[in-house]
Amino acid sequence: MIKLTKMNGHECLLNHTLIEIIEESPDTCITLSNGNRYIVLESGEVIREKIIEFSAEVMRRAGYQSLLPQDGK
């Protein structure tokens, strides 16, 4: 799960595997596959980076270090 900030400033954890689409117009709106929608302060690019970082951390903890680039990118 990734940590995001709602428009009211409260942080929440979002199950990133349910994300169907991220739209910026200008607020960032995330639509999940179950139909739920969330408006957050983070940009689409920041959300994308959080997903990549979280997925890499899961792989590291599962013992897949040899499959990941050594520089962390």
C-alpha atoms as a PDB file:
ATOM      1  CA  MET A   1       0.000   0.000   0.000  1.00  0.00           C
ATOM      2  CA  ILE A   2       1.157   3.534  -0.669  1.00  0.00           C
ATOM      3  CA  LYS A   3       0.731   6.561   1.578  1.00  0.00           C
ATOM      4  CA  LEU A   4      -1.114   9.498  -0.005  1.00  0.00           C
ATOM      5  CA  THR A   5      -2.555  12.770   1.267  1.00  0.00           C
ATOM      6  CA  LYS A   6      -6.243  13.600   0.908  1.00  0.00           C
ATOM      7  CA  MET A   7      -7.315  17.158   0.097  1.00  0.00           C
ATOM      8  CA  ASN A   8      -8.105  17.780   3.786  1.00  0.00           C
ATOM      9  CA  GLY A   9      -4.480  17.022   4.712  1.00  0.00           C
ATOM     10  CA  HIS A  10      -5.141  13.613   6.244  1.00  0.00           C
ATOM     11  CA  GLU A  11      -2.892  10.790   5.132  1.00  0.00           C
ATOM     12  CA  CYS A  12      -4.290   7.482   3.946  1.00  0.00           C
ATOM     13  CA  LEU A  13      -2.922   4.164   2.710  1.00  0.00           C
ATOM     14  CA  LEU A  14      -4.146   3.119  -0.722  1.00  0.00           C
ATOM     15  CA  ASN A  15      -4.001  -0.374  -2.182  1.00  0.00           C
ATOM     16  CA  HIS A  16      -2.165   0.510  -5.385  1.00  0.00           C
ATOM     17  CA  THR A  17      -3.069  -2.787  -7.073  1.00  0.00           C
ATOM     18  CA  LEU A  18      -6.662  -1.512  -7.384  1.00  0.00           C
ATOM     19  CA  ILE A  19      -5.734   1.666  -9.295  1.00  0.00           C
ATOM     20  CA  GLU A  20      -7.380   1.741 -12.695  1.00  0.00           C
ATOM     21  CA  ILE A  21      -6.705   5.328 -13.744  1.00  0.00           C
ATOM     22  CA  ILE A  22      -5.044   8.483 -12.427  1.00  0.00           C
ATOM     23  CA  GLU A  23      -6.255  11.806 -13.824  1.00  0.00           C
ATOM     24  CA  GLU A  24      -4.897  15.303 -13.223  1.00  0.00           C
ATOM     25  CA  SER A  25      -7.305  18.134 -14.028  1.00  0.00           C
ATOM     26  CA  PRO A  26      -5.841  20.000 -12.040  1.00  0.00           C
ATOM     27  CA  ASP A  27      -6.533  17.940  -8.889  1.00  0.00           C
ATOM     28  CA  THR A  28      -5.279  14.367  -8.943  1.00  0.00           C
ATOM     29  CA  CYS A  29      -8.195  11.936  -9.020  1.00  0.00           C
ATOM     30  CA  ILE A  30      -7.584   8.210  -8.597  1.00  0.00           C
ATOM     31  CA  THR A  31     -10.242   5.774  -9.767  1.00  0.00           C
ATOM     32  CA  LEU A  32     -10.017   2.225  -8.458  1.00  0.00           C
ATOM     33  CA  SER A  33     -11.226  -0.921 -10.192  1.00  0.00           C
ATOM     34  CA  ASN A  34     -14.056  -1.181  -7.630  1.00  0.00           C
ATOM     35  CA  GLY A  35     -15.368   2.252  -8.682  1.00  0.00           C
ATOM     36  CA  ASN A  36     -14.158   4.195  -5.643  1.00  0.00           C
ATOM     37  CA  ARG A  37     -12.605   7.584  -6.413  1.00  0.00           C
ATOM     38  CA  TYR A  38     -10.129   9.572  -4.348  1.00  0.00           C
ATOM     39  CA  ILE A  39      -8.780  13.089  -4.805  1.00  0.00           C
ATOM     40  CA  VAL A  40      -5.260  13.502  -3.445  1.00  0.00           C
ATOM     41  CA  LEU A  41      -2.593  16.198  -3.235  1.00  0.00           C
ATOM     42  CA  GLU A  42       0.192  14.144  -4.882  1.00  0.00           C
ATOM     43  CA  SER A  43       0.732  14.346  -8.639  1.00  0.00           C
ATOM     44  CA  GLY A  44       0.376  11.355 -10.928  1.00  0.00           C
ATOM     45  CA  GLU A  45       4.152  11.159 -11.298  1.00  0.00           C
ATOM     46  CA  VAL A  46       4.684  11.135  -7.517  1.00  0.00           C
ATOM     47  CA  ILE A  47       2.094   8.355  -7.191  1.00  0.00           C
ATOM     48  CA  ARG A  48       3.846   6.388  -9.937  1.00  0.00           C
ATOM     49  CA  GLU A  49       7.186   6.705  -8.111  1.00  0.00           C
ATOM     50  CA  LYS A  50       5.592   5.620  -4.817  1.00  0.00           C
ATOM     51  CA  ILE A  51       4.201   2.507  -6.528  1.00  0.00           C
ATOM     52  CA  ILE A  52       7.617   1.670  -8.006  1.00  0.00           C
ATOM     53  CA  GLU A  53       9.352   2.181  -4.637  1.00  0.00           C
ATOM     54  CA  PHE A  54       6.778   0.069  -2.801  1.00  0.00           C
ATOM     55  CA  SER A  55       6.968  -2.746  -5.359  1.00  0.00           C
ATOM     56  CA  ALA A  56      10.783  -2.751  -5.206  1.00  0.00           C
ATOM     57  CA  GLU A  57      10.650  -2.917  -1.395  1.00  0.00           C
ATOM     58  CA  VAL A  58       8.286  -5.904  -1.542  1.00  0.00           C
ATOM     59  CA  MET A  59      10.657  -7.668  -3.934  1.00  0.00           C
ATOM     60  CA  ARG A  60      13.672  -6.897  -1.714  1.00  0.00           C
ATOM     61  CA  ARG A  61      11.919  -8.266   1.358  1.00  0.00           C
ATOM     62  CA  ALA A  62      10.899 -11.372  -0.561  1.00  0.00           C
ATOM     63  CA  GLY A  63      14.528 -12.035  -1.458  1.00  0.00           C
ATOM     64  CA  TYR A  64      14.616 -10.883  -5.079  1.00  0.00           C
ATOM     65  CA  GLN A  65      17.658  -8.604  -4.669  1.00  0.00           C
ATOM     66  CA  SER A  66      19.497 -10.226  -7.563  1.00  0.00           C
ATOM     67  CA  LEU A  67      16.687  -9.219  -9.955  1.00  0.00           C
ATOM     68  CA  LEU A  68      16.778  -5.546  -8.986  1.00  0.00           C
ATOM     69  CA  PRO A  69      19.268  -2.975 -10.295  1.00  0.00           C
ATOM     70  CA  GLN A  70      22.041  -2.328  -7.776  1.00  0.00           C
ATOM     71  CA  ASP A  71      21.670   1.475  -7.891  1.00  0.00           C
ATOM     72  CA  GLY A  72      18.045   1.278  -6.663  1.00  0.00           C
ATOM     73  CA  LYS A  73      16.491   2.519  -9.902  1.00  0.00           C
END
